Amino acid sequence: MKKICFLITAMLLSVATYGQTAKSVLDKAAAMVSAKEGVRASFRMTGAHGSTHGTIAVKGRKFYATTPQATIWFDGKTQWTYMKNNDEVNVSNPTESQLQAINPYNFINLYKKGYDCTLNKSGKDYVVHLTASNPQTKIKELFVTIDKTNHHPTQVKLLQGKKWTIFDITDLKKQAIADSQFRFNSKDFPTAEVIDLR
């Protein structure tokens, strides 16, 4: 009986350690992405509505992303989306799930509460699988692939509703970014129609 109790305790402790390891891997990746000065990267996004590519700059909760179709600024509260094909800017205050669908680095806030995480290893990468504790959560599941050597996130795959979106991330580097880069400047787009959706 003592042997069985010991084995059960050892298994429970190893599961707890495994969960802490997944969290510690995410903590290291989050620390990299949350660099005080900011980070820049290139990305490819693939989802139910096709795919696109572009660049992203992140500083804390703020981000600035460009694709062939659009440019997006988010200053931590307000988001401006400039649609190149019709020369219009939509202004909104996005929800967390809307931000996750646009910003692959939003996982740095998501995983800290409301998700259970497990860790797997795949070659030179860690793959952290996050599942929502609450079935009503809009983002049900995430897979975050993190390079073992430098803790750079290289892929974020998320399930929103019944649709998967995949962000492949390359060329991640720390870089000083001015706060003004995260706000839309109407002087740069004098002919754009601004539509306030707030």
Protein backbone atom coordinates (compact mmCIF):
# COMPACT_ATOMS: atom_id res chain seq x y z
CA MET A 1 0.00 0.00 0.00
CA LYS A 2 2.84 2.40 0.89
CA LYS A 3 4.46 1.60 -2.45
CA ILE A 4 1.24 2.48 -4.34
CA CYS A 5 0.86 5.75 -2.38
CA PHE A 6 4.48 6.61 -3.15
CA LEU A 7 4.00 5.90 -6.88
CA ILE A 8 0.80 8.00 -7.02
CA THR A 9 2.53 10.87 -5.18
CA ALA A 10 5.53 10.66 -7.53
CA MET A 11 3.23 10.71 -10.58
CA LEU A 12 1.30 13.72 -9.26
CA LEU A 13 4.53 15.59 -8.53
CA SER A 14 5.89 14.85 -12.01
CA VAL A 15 2.66 16.13 -13.59
CA ALA A 16 2.88 19.32 -11.48
CA THR A 17 6.53 19.77 -12.46
CA TYR A 18 5.63 19.21 -16.11
CA GLY A 19 3.00 21.98 -15.88
CA GLN A 20 5.50 24.33 -14.22
CA THR A 21 7.99 23.57 -16.97
CA ALA A 22 5.45 24.53 -19.64
CA LYS A 23 4.79 27.76 -17.74
CA SER A 24 8.50 28.47 -17.31
CA VAL A 25 9.09 27.99 -21.06
CA LEU A 26 6.24 30.43 -21.77
CA ASP A 27 7.61 32.82 -19.14
CA LYS A 28 10.99 32.89 -20.94
CA ALA A 29 9.34 33.43 -24.33
CA ALA A 30 7.13 36.15 -22.85
CA ALA A 31 10.18 37.87 -21.34
CA MET A 32 11.81 37.91 -24.79
CA VAL A 33 8.71 39.30 -26.50
CA SER A 34 8.11 41.78 -23.66
CA ALA A 35 11.53 43.42 -24.00
CA LYS A 36 11.23 46.95 -22.61
CA GLU A 37 12.56 48.58 -25.77
CA GLY A 38 10.35 46.48 -28.08
CA VAL A 39 10.73 43.70 -30.65
CA ARG A 40 10.24 43.35 -34.39
CA ALA A 41 9.55 40.24 -36.47
CA SER A 42 8.26 38.98 -39.80
CA PHE A 43 5.22 36.70 -39.91
CA ARG A 44 2.98 34.63 -42.16
CA MET A 45 -0.64 34.21 -41.07
CA THR A 46 -2.78 31.37 -42.44
CA GLY A 47 -6.45 30.92 -41.56
CA ALA A 48 -9.93 30.13 -42.82
CA HIS A 49 -9.97 33.23 -45.04
CA GLY A 50 -6.61 32.65 -46.73
CA SER A 51 -3.12 33.78 -45.87
CA THR A 52 -1.03 36.92 -45.69
CA HIS A 53 2.43 37.98 -44.57
CA GLY A 54 4.00 41.04 -43.08
CA THR A 55 5.99 42.56 -40.27
CA ILE A 56 5.07 43.35 -36.68
CA ALA A 57 6.54 45.58 -33.98
CA VAL A 58 5.55 44.93 -30.35
CA LYS A 59 6.17 46.92 -27.17
CA GLY A 60 4.26 45.73 -24.11
CA ARG A 61 0.60 45.52 -25.18
CA LYS A 62 1.15 47.87 -28.12
CA PHE A 63 1.74 46.65 -31.65
CA TYR A 64 2.10 47.85 -35.23
CA ALA A 65 1.63 45.40 -38.10
CA THR A 66 1.83 45.77 -41.87
CA THR A 67 0.63 43.39 -44.58
CA PRO A 68 0.06 43.92 -48.32
CA GLN A 69 -3.64 44.49 -47.52
CA ALA A 70 -3.59 46.56 -44.33
CA THR A 71 -1.65 48.44 -41.68
CA ILE A 72 -2.72 48.11 -38.04
CA TRP A 73 -1.76 50.30 -35.08
CA PHE A 74 -2.71 49.44 -31.48
CA ASP A 75 -1.68 51.74 -28.63
CA GLY A 76 -2.87 49.46 -25.82
CA LYS A 77 -6.50 50.64 -26.01
CA THR A 78 -7.42 51.90 -29.48
CA GLN A 79 -6.82 50.09 -32.75
CA TRP A 80 -6.63 51.76 -36.17
CA THR A 81 -6.83 49.53 -39.25
CA TYR A 82 -5.96 51.12 -42.59
CA MET A 83 -7.36 49.14 -45.52
CA LYS A 84 -5.15 49.86 -48.53
CA ASN A 85 -7.63 48.79 -51.23
CA ASN A 86 -10.32 51.33 -50.25
CA ASP A 87 -8.25 54.02 -48.48
CA GLU A 88 -10.21 53.80 -45.22
CA VAL A 89 -9.28 53.61 -41.55
CA ASN A 90 -11.48 51.73 -39.06
CA VAL A 91 -11.08 52.81 -35.43
CA SER A 92 -12.08 50.35 -32.67
CA ASN A 93 -11.42 49.16 -29.12
CA PRO A 94 -10.79 45.44 -29.73
CA THR A 95 -11.53 42.59 -27.30
CA GLU A 96 -8.79 40.22 -26.11
CA SER A 97 -9.90 37.51 -28.55
CA GLN A 98 -9.90 40.01 -31.43
CA LEU A 99 -6.37 41.05 -30.47
CA GLN A 100 -5.24 37.42 -30.37
CA ALA A 101 -6.52 36.88 -33.91
CA ILE A 102 -4.36 39.80 -35.12
CA ASN A 103 -1.32 39.83 -32.83
CA PRO A 104 0.51 36.49 -32.47
CA TYR A 105 2.31 37.82 -29.40
CA ASN A 106 -0.87 38.38 -27.41
CA PHE A 107 -0.32 34.89 -25.91
CA ILE A 108 2.11 36.58 -23.51
CA ASN A 109 -0.92 37.76 -21.56
CA LEU A 110 -3.32 34.90 -22.30
CA TYR A 111 -1.48 31.94 -20.80
CA LYS A 112 -1.18 33.46 -17.32
CA LYS A 113 -4.78 32.72 -16.34
CA GLY A 114 -7.65 30.65 -17.64
CA TYR A 115 -5.56 28.09 -19.52
CA ASP A 116 -4.06 24.71 -18.65
CA CYS A 117 -0.74 24.06 -20.33
CA THR A 118 1.36 21.03 -21.15
CA LEU A 119 4.82 20.83 -22.65
CA ASN A 120 6.07 18.64 -25.49
CA LYS A 121 9.41 18.62 -27.28
CA SER A 122 9.74 18.45 -31.05
CA GLY A 123 13.31 18.44 -32.35
CA LYS A 124 14.87 21.85 -31.62
CA ASP A 125 11.59 23.28 -30.29
CA TYR A 126 9.30 23.21 -27.31
CA VAL A 127 5.60 22.99 -28.14
CA VAL A 128 3.32 24.29 -25.39
CA HIS A 129 -0.32 23.23 -25.69
CA LEU A 130 -2.79 25.52 -23.94
CA THR A 131 -6.43 24.61 -23.43
CA ALA A 132 -9.03 26.98 -22.03
CA SER A 133 -10.29 26.10 -18.54
CA ASN A 134 -13.67 27.70 -19.36
CA PRO A 135 -15.47 26.21 -22.39
CA GLN A 136 -17.07 29.62 -23.07
CA THR A 137 -13.66 31.20 -23.76
CA LYS A 138 -13.44 32.41 -27.37
CA ILE A 139 -9.93 31.05 -27.88
CA LYS A 140 -10.33 27.39 -26.96
CA GLU A 141 -6.87 26.10 -27.64
CA LEU A 142 -3.36 27.28 -28.57
CA PHE A 143 -0.12 25.62 -29.59
CA VAL A 144 2.94 27.84 -29.09
CA THR A 145 6.19 26.59 -30.65
CA ILE A 146 9.30 28.01 -28.98
CA ASP A 147 12.93 27.59 -30.03
CA LYS A 148 14.79 25.74 -27.24
CA THR A 149 18.04 27.69 -27.61
CA ASN A 150 16.84 31.30 -27.59
CA HIS A 151 13.21 31.01 -26.41
CA HIS A 152 11.91 32.85 -29.48
CA PRO A 153 8.32 31.92 -30.37
CA THR A 154 8.39 30.56 -33.94
CA GLN A 155 4.74 29.60 -34.35
CA VAL A 156 1.43 30.34 -32.65
CA LYS A 157 -1.55 28.20 -33.68
CA LEU A 158 -4.91 29.11 -32.15
CA LEU A 159 -8.44 27.75 -32.28
CA GLN A 160 -11.16 30.39 -32.24
CA GLY A 161 -14.62 28.86 -32.51
CA LYS A 162 -14.03 25.98 -34.92
CA LYS A 163 -11.37 27.68 -37.03
CA TRP A 164 -7.61 27.50 -36.70
CA THR A 165 -5.29 30.44 -37.38
CA ILE A 166 -1.53 29.87 -37.67
CA PHE A 167 1.17 32.52 -37.31
CA ASP A 168 4.67 31.51 -38.44
CA ILE A 169 7.22 33.95 -37.01
CA THR A 170 10.77 34.68 -38.24
CA ASP A 171 13.52 37.27 -37.74
CA LEU A 172 12.51 38.17 -34.18
CA LYS A 173 14.85 40.78 -32.71
CA LYS A 174 14.89 43.37 -29.94
CA GLN A 175 14.76 46.91 -31.25
CA ALA A 176 13.99 50.32 -29.74
CA ILE A 177 10.57 51.46 -30.97
CA ALA A 178 9.07 54.90 -30.32
CA ASP A 179 5.58 54.94 -28.77
CA SER A 180 4.38 57.15 -31.64
CA GLN A 181 4.70 54.17 -34.00
CA PHE A 182 1.71 52.52 -32.32
CA ARG A 183 -0.74 55.34 -33.11
CA PHE A 184 -2.33 56.23 -36.45
CA ASN A 185 -1.20 59.62 -37.79
CA SER A 186 -3.82 61.12 -40.12
CA LYS A 187 -1.17 63.39 -41.70
CA ASP A 188 0.38 60.29 -43.28
CA PHE A 189 -2.97 59.34 -44.89
CA PRO A 190 -4.60 62.67 -45.85
CA THR A 191 -7.17 61.15 -48.24
CA ALA A 192 -8.25 58.22 -46.02
CA GLU A 193 -11.83 58.07 -44.77
CA VAL A 194 -11.85 57.50 -40.99
CA ILE A 195 -14.71 55.32 -39.68
CA ASP A 196 -15.09 55.28 -35.89
CA LEU A 197 -16.54 51.91 -34.79
CA ARG A 198 -16.15 52.46 -31.04
